[in-house]
Protein backbone atom coordinates (compact mmCIF):
# COMPACT_ATOMS: atom_id res chain seq x y z
CA MET A 1 98.57 -20.92 33.67
CA ASP A 2 98.49 -23.13 30.59
CA SER A 3 95.76 -25.21 32.07
CA LEU A 4 93.67 -22.05 32.78
CA TRP A 5 94.06 -20.81 29.25
CA SER A 6 93.37 -24.20 27.88
CA ARG A 7 90.19 -24.43 29.96
CA PHE A 8 88.99 -21.05 28.76
CA HIS A 9 89.68 -21.90 25.14
CA GLU A 10 87.69 -25.06 25.44
CA GLU A 11 84.72 -23.23 26.97
CA ASP A 12 84.76 -20.58 24.23
CA GLY A 13 84.69 -23.22 21.55
CA SER A 14 81.64 -24.87 23.06
CA THR A 15 79.58 -21.67 23.06
CA LEU A 16 79.69 -21.24 19.28
CA PRO A 17 77.34 -24.14 18.43
CA MET A 18 75.00 -23.07 21.17
CA PHE A 19 74.98 -19.52 19.90
CA ALA A 20 74.31 -20.71 16.34
CA PHE A 21 71.50 -22.95 17.50
CA THR A 22 69.98 -20.08 19.47
CA LEU A 23 70.23 -17.81 16.46
CA VAL A 24 68.46 -20.32 14.24
CA ALA A 25 65.74 -20.79 16.84
CA LEU A 26 65.19 -17.07 17.11
CA ALA A 27 65.01 -16.78 13.31
CA ALA A 28 62.56 -19.63 13.17
CA LEU A 29 60.39 -17.95 15.76
CA GLY A 30 60.55 -14.71 13.80
CA PHE A 31 59.63 -16.39 10.54
CA ALA A 32 56.88 -18.30 12.31
CA ALA A 33 55.47 -15.04 13.67
CA ILE A 34 55.67 -13.48 10.22
CA ALA A 35 54.09 -16.55 8.62
CA LEU A 36 51.31 -16.57 11.18
CA GLY A 37 50.70 -12.88 10.66
CA LEU A 38 50.61 -13.22 6.88
CA ASP A 39 48.26 -16.21 7.06
CA SER A 40 46.01 -14.44 9.55
CA LYS A 41 45.86 -11.30 7.44
CA ALA A 42 45.14 -13.29 4.30
CA ALA A 43 42.41 -15.23 6.07
CA SER A 44 40.83 -12.04 7.42
CA ASN A 45 40.91 -10.36 4.00
CA LEU A 46 39.53 -13.49 2.41
CA GLN A 47 36.64 -13.60 4.87
CA ASN A 48 35.85 -9.95 4.19
CA ALA A 49 35.85 -10.66 0.47
CA ALA A 50 33.54 -13.64 0.95
CA ASP A 51 31.20 -11.53 3.09
CA SER A 52 31.14 -8.81 0.42
CA ALA A 53 30.39 -11.29 -2.34
CA ALA A 54 27.52 -12.96 -0.43
CA LEU A 55 26.01 -9.62 0.57
CA ALA A 56 26.33 -8.30 -2.99
CA GLY A 57 24.41 -11.32 -4.25
CA ALA A 58 21.66 -10.88 -1.65
CA THR A 59 21.43 -7.15 -2.37
CA ALA A 60 21.06 -7.82 -6.10
CA PHE A 61 18.24 -10.28 -5.38
CA VAL A 62 16.45 -7.59 -3.39
CA ALA A 63 17.16 -4.67 -5.71
CA THR A 64 16.21 -6.38 -8.97
CA ASP A 65 12.55 -5.52 -9.50
CA GLN A 66 11.63 -8.52 -11.62
CA PRO A 67 8.47 -10.56 -11.05
CA ARG A 68 10.23 -13.90 -11.61
CA ALA A 69 12.39 -15.22 -8.78
CA ALA A 70 14.61 -16.97 -11.33
CA ASP A 71 15.57 -13.61 -12.84
CA ARG A 72 16.48 -12.20 -9.44
CA LEU A 73 18.55 -15.28 -8.62
CA LYS A 74 20.47 -14.86 -11.87
CA GLU A 75 21.25 -11.24 -10.98
CA ALA A 76 22.34 -12.38 -7.51
CA GLU A 77 24.80 -14.88 -9.01
CA ILE A 78 26.25 -12.27 -11.38
CA ALA A 79 26.68 -9.71 -8.58
CA ALA A 80 28.39 -12.23 -6.27
CA LYS A 81 30.82 -13.32 -8.98
CA VAL A 82 31.63 -9.77 -10.04
CA THR A 83 32.32 -8.78 -6.44
CA ALA A 84 34.54 -11.80 -5.90
CA ALA A 85 36.42 -11.09 -9.13
CA GLY A 86 36.97 -7.52 -8.01
CA ASN A 87 39.37 -8.91 -5.41
CA ALA A 88 41.83 -10.26 -8.00
CA GLU A 89 43.79 -12.56 -5.69
CA TYR A 90 40.67 -14.44 -4.59
CA ALA A 91 38.78 -17.05 -6.62
CA LEU A 92 35.11 -17.99 -6.25
CA THR A 93 35.15 -21.75 -5.77
CA ASP A 94 31.51 -22.34 -4.84
CA PHE A 95 28.18 -20.50 -5.18
CA ASP A 96 25.00 -21.90 -3.75
CA VAL A 97 21.49 -20.43 -3.61
CA ALA A 98 18.85 -22.02 -1.41
CA ALA A 99 15.47 -22.70 -2.93
CA VAL A 100 13.23 -19.65 -2.84
CA SER A 101 10.55 -19.92 -0.18
CA GLU A 102 7.43 -17.77 -0.29
CA ASP A 103 4.85 -16.53 2.18
CA ALA A 104 2.50 -13.56 2.45
CA TYR A 105 5.41 -11.30 3.29
CA GLY A 106 7.39 -12.07 0.17
CA GLN A 107 10.08 -14.37 -1.20
CA HIS A 108 13.12 -15.47 0.77
CA THR A 109 16.41 -17.08 -0.22
CA GLU A 110 19.87 -17.73 1.18
CA ILE A 111 23.03 -17.09 -0.81
CA GLU A 112 26.31 -18.79 0.13
CA VAL A 113 29.72 -18.22 -1.47
CA SER A 114 33.07 -19.88 -0.94
CA LEU A 115 36.33 -18.10 -1.84
CA ALA A 116 39.87 -19.52 -2.02
CA PHE A 117 43.24 -17.79 -1.83
CA GLN A 118 46.61 -19.23 -2.87
CA PRO A 119 49.08 -17.62 -0.41
CA ALA A 120 52.59 -16.64 -1.52
CA ASN A 121 54.05 -16.88 1.98
CA VAL A 122 57.91 -16.81 1.79
CA ALA A 123 58.17 -17.04 5.55
CA ALA A 124 56.24 -20.28 5.52
CA SER A 125 58.50 -21.66 2.77
CA VAL A 126 61.63 -20.91 4.82
CA LEU A 127 60.19 -23.02 7.58
CA GLY A 128 59.66 -25.86 5.17
CA ARG A 129 55.88 -25.51 5.13
CA ASN A 130 53.86 -26.20 1.99
CA ALA A 131 52.96 -22.74 0.79
CA ASN A 132 50.70 -24.15 -1.94
CA VAL A 133 47.90 -25.05 0.51
CA ALA A 134 45.01 -22.65 -0.31
CA LEU A 135 43.01 -20.80 2.30
CA THR A 136 39.20 -21.02 1.95
CA ARG A 137 36.44 -19.01 3.57
CA THR A 138 32.65 -19.08 3.21
CA ALA A 139 29.91 -16.56 3.90
CA ALA A 140 26.12 -16.60 3.69
CA ALA A 141 23.50 -13.89 3.40
CA THR A 142 19.71 -13.92 3.37
CA ALA A 143 17.51 -11.91 1.05
CA THR A 144 13.81 -11.04 1.44
CA TRP A 145 11.99 -9.62 -1.56
CA GLY A 146 8.74 -8.29 -0.07
CA PHE A 147 5.56 -8.10 -2.11
CA PRO A 148 3.98 -4.66 -2.65
CA LEU A 149 0.96 -3.78 -0.52
CA CYS A 150 -2.19 -2.81 -2.41
CA VAL A 151 -4.93 -2.97 0.28
CA LEU A 152 -4.45 -2.51 4.04
CA SER A 153 -7.21 -2.42 6.65
CA LEU A 154 -6.23 -0.71 9.90
CA GLU A 155 -9.31 -1.87 11.85
CA LYS A 156 -8.14 -3.52 15.09
CA SER A 157 -11.07 -5.57 16.35
CA GLY A 158 -13.94 -5.70 13.82
CA PRO A 159 -14.11 -7.02 10.25
CA GLY A 160 -11.25 -5.53 8.26
CA PHE A 161 -11.70 -6.75 4.68
CA SER A 162 -14.73 -8.57 3.30
CA THR A 163 -16.41 -9.69 0.10
CA ASP A 164 -20.02 -10.69 -0.44
CA GLY A 165 -22.52 -11.34 -3.21
CA SER A 166 -20.88 -11.35 -6.64
CA ALA A 167 -18.04 -8.99 -5.78
CA SER A 168 -14.86 -9.43 -7.78
CA LEU A 169 -11.34 -8.58 -6.64
CA THR A 170 -8.17 -8.93 -8.71
CA ALA A 171 -4.91 -7.68 -7.20
CA ASN A 172 -2.10 -9.19 -9.21
CA ASN A 173 1.48 -8.89 -7.90
CA CYS A 174 0.45 -7.32 -4.58
CA VAL A 175 -1.04 -8.33 -1.23
CA ILE A 176 -4.26 -7.71 0.72
CA TRP A 177 -3.75 -7.27 4.49
CA SER A 178 -6.02 -6.93 7.51
CA ASN A 179 -4.71 -5.85 10.93
CA SER A 180 -7.86 -6.88 12.77
CA THR A 181 -7.58 -9.58 15.44
CA SER A 182 -11.23 -10.50 14.87
CA GLN A 183 -12.52 -13.98 14.04
CA ARG A 184 -13.57 -12.28 10.81
CA SER A 185 -10.49 -10.19 10.25
CA MET A 186 -11.01 -11.13 6.62
CA ASN A 187 -14.42 -12.47 5.66
CA PHE A 188 -15.04 -13.98 2.25
CA SER A 189 -18.72 -14.90 1.95
CA GLY A 190 -19.23 -14.58 -1.80
CA GLY A 191 -17.76 -13.52 -5.11
CA ASP A 192 -14.21 -14.15 -6.24
CA ALA A 193 -10.86 -12.81 -5.07
CA LYS A 194 -7.35 -13.18 -6.39
CA ALA A 195 -4.11 -11.57 -5.18
CA GLN A 196 -0.45 -12.35 -4.65
CA ALA A 197 -1.38 -13.12 -1.04
CA PHE A 198 -4.08 -12.51 1.58
CA CYS A 199 -2.89 -12.06 5.16
CA ALA A 200 -5.05 -11.61 8.28
CA VAL A 201 -3.87 -10.96 11.82
CA GLY A 202 -7.01 -12.74 13.03
CA ARG A 203 -9.09 -15.37 11.26
CA ALA A 204 -10.10 -15.37 7.59
CA PRO A 205 -13.13 -17.63 6.97
CA VAL A 206 -14.07 -18.44 3.38
CA THR A 207 -17.75 -19.35 2.87
CA GLY A 208 -20.61 -18.86 0.41
CA GLY A 209 -18.81 -20.48 -2.49
CA THR A 210 -16.17 -17.73 -2.68
CA GLN A 211 -13.53 -18.47 -5.29
CA ILE A 212 -10.27 -17.29 -3.75
CA SER A 213 -6.62 -17.73 -4.70
CA PRO A 214 -4.47 -18.29 -2.76
CA ARG A 215 -6.10 -19.30 0.50
CA PRO A 216 -5.70 -16.56 3.14
CA THR A 217 -2.88 -16.80 5.67
CA GLU A 218 -4.02 -16.31 9.27
CA SER A 219 -2.20 -15.14 12.43
CA CYS A 220 0.02 -12.73 10.49
CA ASP A 221 1.85 -9.87 12.15
CA ALA A 222 0.08 -6.50 12.12
CA ILE A 223 1.50 -3.86 9.82
CA PRO A 224 1.77 -0.45 11.49
CA ASP A 225 0.11 2.30 9.50
CA PRO A 226 2.89 3.02 6.98
CA LEU A 227 1.66 6.59 6.50
CA GLU A 228 0.96 7.51 10.13
CA GLY A 229 2.31 10.90 11.07
CA MET A 230 2.65 12.09 7.50
CA ASP A 231 2.47 15.85 7.03
CA ILE A 232 -0.96 16.43 5.48
CA PRO A 233 -1.44 19.96 4.10
CA SER A 234 -4.17 21.95 5.84
CA ALA A 235 -6.94 23.62 3.89
CA PRO A 236 -5.91 27.16 2.94
CA GLY A 237 -8.39 30.01 2.80
CA LYS A 238 -12.16 30.08 3.08
CA PRO A 239 -14.02 27.26 1.32
CA VAL A 240 -15.90 28.19 -1.84
CA VAL A 241 -19.44 26.87 -2.30
CA ALA A 242 -19.39 23.71 -4.39
CA VAL A 243 -21.45 24.03 -7.54
CA LEU A 244 -23.30 21.25 -9.29
CA THR A 245 -21.71 21.44 -12.69
CA TYR A 246 -23.89 22.34 -15.66
CA ALA A 247 -27.18 21.89 -13.89
CA ALA A 248 -30.16 24.12 -13.34
CA THR A 249 -29.53 24.23 -9.62
CA GLN A 250 -26.68 24.81 -7.24
CA VAL A 251 -26.20 22.70 -4.14
CA THR A 252 -23.71 23.07 -1.31
CA ALA A 253 -23.91 19.30 -0.73
CA SER A 254 -23.73 20.00 3.01
CA LYS A 255 -25.08 17.05 4.98
CA VAL A 256 -26.73 19.34 7.52
CA ALA A 257 -28.27 21.57 4.84
CA LEU A 258 -29.73 18.63 2.94
CA ALA A 259 -30.95 16.97 6.12
CA ASN A 260 -32.66 20.20 7.10
CA MET A 261 -34.54 20.10 3.79
CA ILE A 262 -35.84 16.68 4.75
CA ASN A 263 -36.65 17.97 8.22
CA LYS A 264 -38.67 20.87 6.89
CA ALA A 265 -40.40 18.72 4.31
CA VAL A 266 -41.35 16.17 6.93
CA GLY A 267 -42.64 18.88 9.27
CA ASP A 268 -44.52 20.67 6.50
CA ALA A 269 -46.34 17.50 5.45
CA GLY A 270 -47.27 16.63 9.03
CA LEU A 271 -45.86 13.13 8.73
CA ASP A 272 -45.77 10.65 11.58
CA SER A 273 -42.68 9.86 13.62
CA ALA A 274 -41.84 6.74 11.63
CA ILE A 275 -40.97 8.90 8.64
CA ALA A 276 -38.56 10.87 10.81
CA ASP A 277 -36.27 7.84 10.87
CA LEU A 278 -34.78 8.81 7.53
CA ARG A 279 -34.45 12.41 8.62
CA ASP A 280 -32.54 11.31 11.70
CA ALA A 281 -30.40 8.96 9.65
CA LEU A 282 -29.59 11.79 7.28
CA ILE A 283 -28.56 14.10 10.10
CA ASP A 284 -26.54 11.45 11.94
CA GLY A 285 -25.04 9.97 8.80
CA GLU A 286 -26.12 6.50 9.86
CA PRO A 287 -25.34 3.99 7.09
CA LEU A 288 -28.17 1.62 6.23
CA SER A 289 -28.02 -1.45 4.02
CA SER A 290 -29.18 -0.96 0.45
CA PRO A 291 -32.58 -2.74 0.66
CA ALA A 292 -33.52 -1.17 3.99
CA GLY A 293 -32.28 2.24 2.94
CA THR A 294 -34.14 2.16 -0.36
CA SER A 295 -37.34 1.00 1.30
CA LEU A 296 -37.11 3.67 3.97
CA ALA A 297 -36.34 6.43 1.46
CA GLU A 298 -39.12 5.34 -0.88
CA GLY A 299 -41.51 5.25 2.05
CA VAL A 300 -40.59 8.84 2.89
CA PHE A 301 -41.06 9.81 -0.75
CA ASP A 302 -44.51 8.23 -0.88
CA ALA A 303 -45.54 9.85 2.37
CA LEU A 304 -44.23 13.25 1.32
CA ALA A 305 -46.00 13.01 -2.01
CA ALA A 306 -49.23 11.97 -0.34
CA GLY A 307 -48.89 14.86 2.10
CA GLU A 308 -48.56 17.30 -0.81
CA SER A 309 -45.50 18.92 0.70
CA LYS A 310 -44.65 22.28 -0.76
CA TRP A 311 -41.01 21.15 -0.77
CA LEU A 312 -41.42 18.20 -3.17
CA ASP A 313 -43.07 17.75 -6.54
CA GLU A 314 -45.03 14.67 -7.53
CA ASN A 315 -41.81 12.86 -8.49
CA GLY A 316 -40.19 13.31 -5.12
CA THR A 317 -37.87 16.10 -6.32
CA PHE A 318 -37.25 19.16 -4.19
CA LYS A 319 -38.76 22.33 -5.61
CA LYS A 320 -36.78 24.82 -3.54
CA GLY A 321 -34.03 25.28 -0.99
CA ALA A 322 -30.48 23.92 -1.07
CA ALA A 323 -31.77 20.58 -2.40
CA LYS A 324 -33.75 22.07 -5.29
CA GLY A 325 -33.63 19.75 -8.29
CA LEU A 326 -32.61 16.70 -6.28
CA ASN A 327 -34.76 13.65 -5.75
CA ILE A 328 -35.07 12.44 -2.19
CA LEU A 329 -33.43 9.18 -3.21
CA GLU A 330 -30.45 11.10 -4.54
CA ILE A 331 -30.06 12.92 -1.25
CA ALA A 332 -30.15 9.62 0.60
CA GLN A 333 -27.46 8.32 -1.73
CA ILE A 334 -25.26 11.40 -1.42
CA LEU A 335 -25.29 10.97 2.33
CA GLY A 336 -24.58 7.24 2.17
CA ILE A 337 -28.00 6.05 3.31
CA ILE A 338 -28.58 3.90 0.22
CA ASP A 339 -26.38 2.59 -2.56
CA ASN A 340 -28.21 2.13 -5.84
CA LEU A 341 -30.84 4.35 -7.47
CA PRO A 342 -33.52 3.41 -10.00
CA GLY A 343 -32.10 3.94 -13.47
CA ASP A 344 -35.06 6.06 -14.58
CA LEU A 345 -33.82 8.87 -12.29
CA TYR A 346 -30.94 9.48 -14.68
CA GLY A 347 -32.03 7.55 -17.75
CA ASP A 348 -32.13 10.67 -19.91
CA ASP A 349 -28.61 11.76 -18.92
CA HIS A 350 -25.72 11.31 -21.35
CA TYR A 351 -21.94 11.47 -21.28
CA PHE A 352 -20.12 14.52 -22.58
CA SER A 353 -17.22 13.93 -24.95
CA GLY A 354 -15.64 17.33 -24.31
CA VAL A 355 -14.77 19.26 -21.17
CA THR A 356 -17.77 21.23 -19.93
CA ASP A 357 -16.14 22.80 -16.89
CA THR A 358 -12.68 23.25 -15.36
CA LEU A 359 -11.84 23.42 -11.67
CA SER A 360 -8.76 25.01 -10.12
CA PRO A 361 -6.90 23.84 -7.00
CA GLY A 362 -8.28 25.33 -3.80
CA THR A 363 -10.67 24.79 -0.91
CA TYR A 364 -14.24 23.62 -1.54
CA ALA A 365 -17.22 23.24 0.79
CA GLY A 366 -18.08 19.91 -0.78
CA LEU A 367 -18.30 19.12 -4.47
CA ASP A 368 -21.23 17.46 -6.22
CA VAL A 369 -20.70 16.77 -9.93
CA TYR A 370 -23.79 15.29 -11.56
CA LYS A 371 -23.63 16.48 -15.12
CA GLY A 372 -20.97 17.17 -17.70
CA HIS A 373 -17.30 16.41 -18.00
CA VAL A 374 -15.33 18.27 -15.34
CA ARG A 375 -11.55 18.53 -15.53
CA MET A 376 -9.43 19.32 -12.48
CA LEU A 377 -6.27 21.29 -13.15
CA PRO A 378 -3.10 19.88 -11.51
CA GLY A 379 -2.73 20.66 -7.82
CA VAL A 380 -4.26 20.01 -4.40
CA TYR A 381 -8.03 20.18 -3.80
CA HIS A 382 -9.32 20.49 -0.22
CA ILE A 383 -12.90 19.27 0.38
CA VAL A 384 -14.14 20.60 3.74
CA ASP A 385 -17.08 19.37 5.86
CA ALA A 386 -19.17 18.07 2.96
CA PRO A 387 -19.09 15.16 0.49
CA LEU A 388 -17.34 14.88 -2.83
CA ILE A 389 -19.69 12.96 -5.10
CA VAL A 390 -19.71 12.20 -8.82
CA ARG A 391 -22.96 10.76 -10.21
CA ARG A 392 -25.62 10.66 -12.97
CA LYS A 393 -23.21 9.78 -15.79
CA ALA A 394 -21.00 12.77 -14.96
CA THR A 395 -17.23 12.47 -15.35
CA LEU A 396 -14.50 14.00 -13.21
CA THR A 397 -10.90 13.75 -14.36
CA GLY A 398 -7.61 15.07 -13.04
CA GLU A 399 -3.95 14.48 -13.80
CA GLY A 400 -1.37 15.48 -11.22
CA VAL A 401 -4.17 15.90 -8.66
CA THR A 402 -4.42 15.21 -4.93
CA ILE A 403 -7.82 15.46 -3.21
CA ILE A 404 -7.74 15.97 0.58
CA LEU A 405 -10.90 15.42 2.64
CA HIS A 406 -11.26 17.41 5.87
CA GLY A 407 -13.88 16.54 8.51
CA GLU A 408 -16.21 13.65 9.27
CA LYS A 409 -18.71 14.90 6.67
CA ALA A 410 -16.12 14.99 3.91
CA THR A 411 -16.57 11.64 2.20
CA PHE A 412 -15.98 10.47 -1.33
CA SER A 413 -18.56 8.74 -3.56
CA VAL A 414 -18.82 7.71 -7.20
CA ALA A 415 -22.22 6.41 -8.28
CA ASP A 416 -24.89 6.13 -11.02
CA ARG A 417 -22.61 5.24 -13.93
CA ALA A 418 -20.39 8.22 -13.17
CA ARG A 419 -16.68 8.16 -13.94
CA LEU A 420 -13.75 9.36 -11.82
CA THR A 421 -10.28 9.28 -13.36
CA LEU A 422 -7.41 10.49 -11.18
CA SER A 423 -3.65 10.38 -11.46
CA ALA A 424 -1.59 11.55 -8.47
CA PRO A 425 1.19 14.14 -8.77
CA GLU A 426 4.65 12.88 -9.71
CA GLU A 427 6.46 15.37 -7.48
CA ASP A 428 6.01 17.98 -4.73
CA ALA A 429 4.65 17.44 -1.22
CA THR A 430 1.71 15.20 -2.16
CA ALA A 431 3.52 13.19 -4.82
CA GLY A 432 1.98 9.74 -5.17
CA PHE A 433 -1.23 10.57 -3.28
CA ALA A 434 -4.51 10.63 -5.20
CA LEU A 435 -6.92 10.85 -2.26
CA ILE A 436 -6.31 11.59 1.44
CA SER A 437 -8.67 11.87 4.40
CA ASP A 438 -7.02 13.83 7.21
CA PRO A 439 -7.47 11.73 10.39
CA ALA A 440 -6.88 14.79 12.57
CA ASP A 441 -10.18 16.25 11.34
CA ILE A 442 -12.33 13.24 12.32
CA PRO A 443 -13.55 12.75 15.92
CA ASN A 444 -12.49 9.51 17.62
CA ASN A 445 -16.04 8.22 17.89
CA LYS A 446 -16.86 8.74 14.21
CA THR A 447 -16.10 6.50 11.24
CA PRO A 448 -17.28 8.06 7.97
CA ARG A 449 -17.84 5.92 4.90
CA SER A 450 -16.72 6.59 1.36
CA ARG A 451 -18.34 4.67 -1.45
CA LEU A 452 -17.99 3.37 -4.97
CA THR A 453 -21.42 2.19 -6.02
CA GLY A 454 -24.33 2.22 -8.48
CA SER A 455 -22.25 1.33 -11.58
CA GLY A 456 -19.83 4.15 -10.80
CA LYS A 457 -16.38 3.58 -12.27
CA VAL A 458 -12.99 4.67 -11.00
CA SER A 459 -9.63 4.68 -12.72
CA MET A 460 -6.99 5.81 -10.28
CA ILE A 461 -3.19 5.82 -10.13
CA GLY A 462 -1.70 6.57 -6.74
CA THR A 463 -2.36 6.03 -3.05
CA VAL A 464 -5.78 6.33 -1.38
CA TYR A 465 -5.34 7.05 2.34
CA LEU A 466 -8.54 6.87 4.45
CA PRO A 467 -7.19 5.81 7.87
CA GLU A 468 -10.33 6.80 9.84
CA GLN A 469 -12.87 5.98 7.11
CA ASN A 470 -14.50 2.80 5.87
CA PHE A 471 -14.53 2.24 2.12
CA SER A 472 -17.35 0.36 0.39
CA ILE A 473 -17.42 -0.98 -3.15
CA THR A 474 -21.01 -2.06 -3.66
CA GLY A 475 -23.85 -2.11 -6.17
CA SER A 476 -22.15 -2.42 -9.53
CA GLY A 477 -19.49 0.11 -8.62
CA ALA A 478 -16.03 -0.83 -9.78
CA ALA A 479 -12.43 0.27 -9.94
CA ASP A 480 -11.88 -2.08 -12.85
CA GLN A 481 -9.48 -0.12 -15.05
CA ALA A 482 -6.56 -2.41 -14.10
CA SER A 483 -4.54 0.30 -12.37
CA PRO A 484 -0.76 -0.29 -12.45
CA LEU A 485 -0.37 1.50 -9.11
CA LEU A 486 -3.22 1.64 -6.61
CA GLN A 487 -2.61 1.35 -2.86
CA ILE A 488 -5.60 1.67 -0.52
CA VAL A 489 -5.22 2.17 3.23
CA ALA A 490 -8.54 2.48 5.08
CA ASN A 491 -10.06 1.61 8.42
CA ALA A 492 -12.07 -1.18 6.79
CA ILE A 493 -12.87 -2.20 3.23
CA ASP A 494 -15.94 -4.12 2.14
CA MET A 495 -17.04 -5.31 -1.29
CA GLY A 496 -20.56 -6.47 -2.06
CA ASP A 497 -23.25 -6.93 -4.70
CA SER A 498 -21.40 -6.79 -8.02
CA GLY A 499 -18.71 -4.36 -6.87
CA GLY A 500 -15.31 -4.78 -8.47
CA LEU A 501 -11.68 -3.82 -7.86
CA LYS A 502 -8.89 -4.63 -10.32
CA ILE A 503 -5.20 -3.90 -9.86
CA GLU A 504 -2.39 -5.04 -12.15
CA PHE A 505 0.43 -3.85 -9.95
CA ASP A 506 3.37 -2.72 -12.07
CA PRO A 507 4.91 0.60 -10.95
CA SER A 508 7.17 0.62 -14.01
CA GLU A 509 4.12 1.50 -16.08
CA THR A 510 3.74 4.94 -14.48
CA ASP A 511 5.89 7.83 -13.28
CA VAL A 512 3.70 8.31 -10.19
CA PRO A 513 5.82 7.29 -7.18
CA MET A 514 4.86 4.38 -4.93
CA ARG A 515 4.31 5.79 -1.42
CA ILE A 516 4.13 2.47 0.44
CA LYS A 517 7.23 0.54 -0.51
CA PRO A 518 7.57 -3.18 0.19
CA ALA A 519 10.10 -4.54 2.65
CA ARG A 520 13.29 -5.47 0.83
CA GLN A 521 16.14 -6.68 3.07
CA ALA A 522 19.56 -8.25 2.58
CA ARG A 523 21.82 -9.20 5.51
CA LEU A 524 24.74 -11.45 6.40
CA ILE A 525 23.95 -14.39 8.65
CA ARG A 526 27.32 -16.20 8.85
């Protein structure tokens, strides 16, 4: 009995150390689990804070609309530090910005931050660990600050953008782009051209002594039409007949009507079939080069005059019909057959210092302004199935105006020392748009041409959208008023003779909104 009790007592005494050891082990495991959890949570929070700081820096680089990359980098550093400081327990230990690289798409940089956290981990201390060892985490983000687009050609296979002769292009702070895959996607064969960048999907040869800066980038990605599918207002109501402002005659400026005048004049004079070439060109709207067009038109004039047509006087001016008061060369110019006219046709004209006529928003069957100073009241103007042309030292101005062209015959021309000054609306449905050609109104097999020529001058703020039209700046025509916001999207754009285009892109100088915004992107990469 004593031996049994004694044995039991001995066994009970031996279990106490084992129990204590087990208890300590279990506590250690518990503290280890707690320590691990606290460290893991701290590390996860620290990584999130580092991610936020890096992304904040990249976002600031993108959002800061400063022309100098150094200014945007400074804002990126400030934003990253402020974000890191917003998480009080974390300290920014390293900030690194990669050198800014640049291509036709814009400027690119990488921002990396490193954050440290000094954990106050009691559980780790109990285990004898050094709780003063800081956790560190890094994160990196990329930022792309895209350049604004000022000229985009949508042509897919033919020449998209070209310069020739003594043409001059200045497009500071914005890019010129051609979507064509052609060997002459961009073709510089004369003149001078300067922009933030030139980018061609195809090739971009530079010949003829063209002075260009920088050299074009080839094999770029195509830019989808940024305005495709936009809701273009339809023309309301019945078109009113366009009136030649402050002139002795009224003209509908209808291509068919004017071509019929030629047709009747040719038939009346009994001219041979060679003279009918111009008539056919007028009816078909076939564009001819300036020398050939002038020669052909002058030949028709001489033949008509010799034939003593009852339609024309001795100076080649129509005496009756819809073209009464117009010289045959002027008709050819209105319809895009020739570019420049002899100065003596409008040598006696003069500019008007005050407004001579006022137009109201509405629907017009073409508009031909060849005398006076015409002011357009704010609103939307629909030009249907006939050209809009400003010429013979006339001036057309409009603030808060959008002009919408409907139909293949609705083209836009400024010529003969005329002046067109337009500023797009700042709000409402057409905000930011100065001139639109509705692609839905143009047949697939037609490509109308709008023109700036013959010393015509344009000052325009806003977006010009001619997706199914070609746009020519020839003769001495120029948009040289250094617009702070001019974005042109057309099928193809060509500049020749002494034509000029000048853009000093700075949207902060106007309240007109920019409709085609550059790509600006910030994202985490690690």
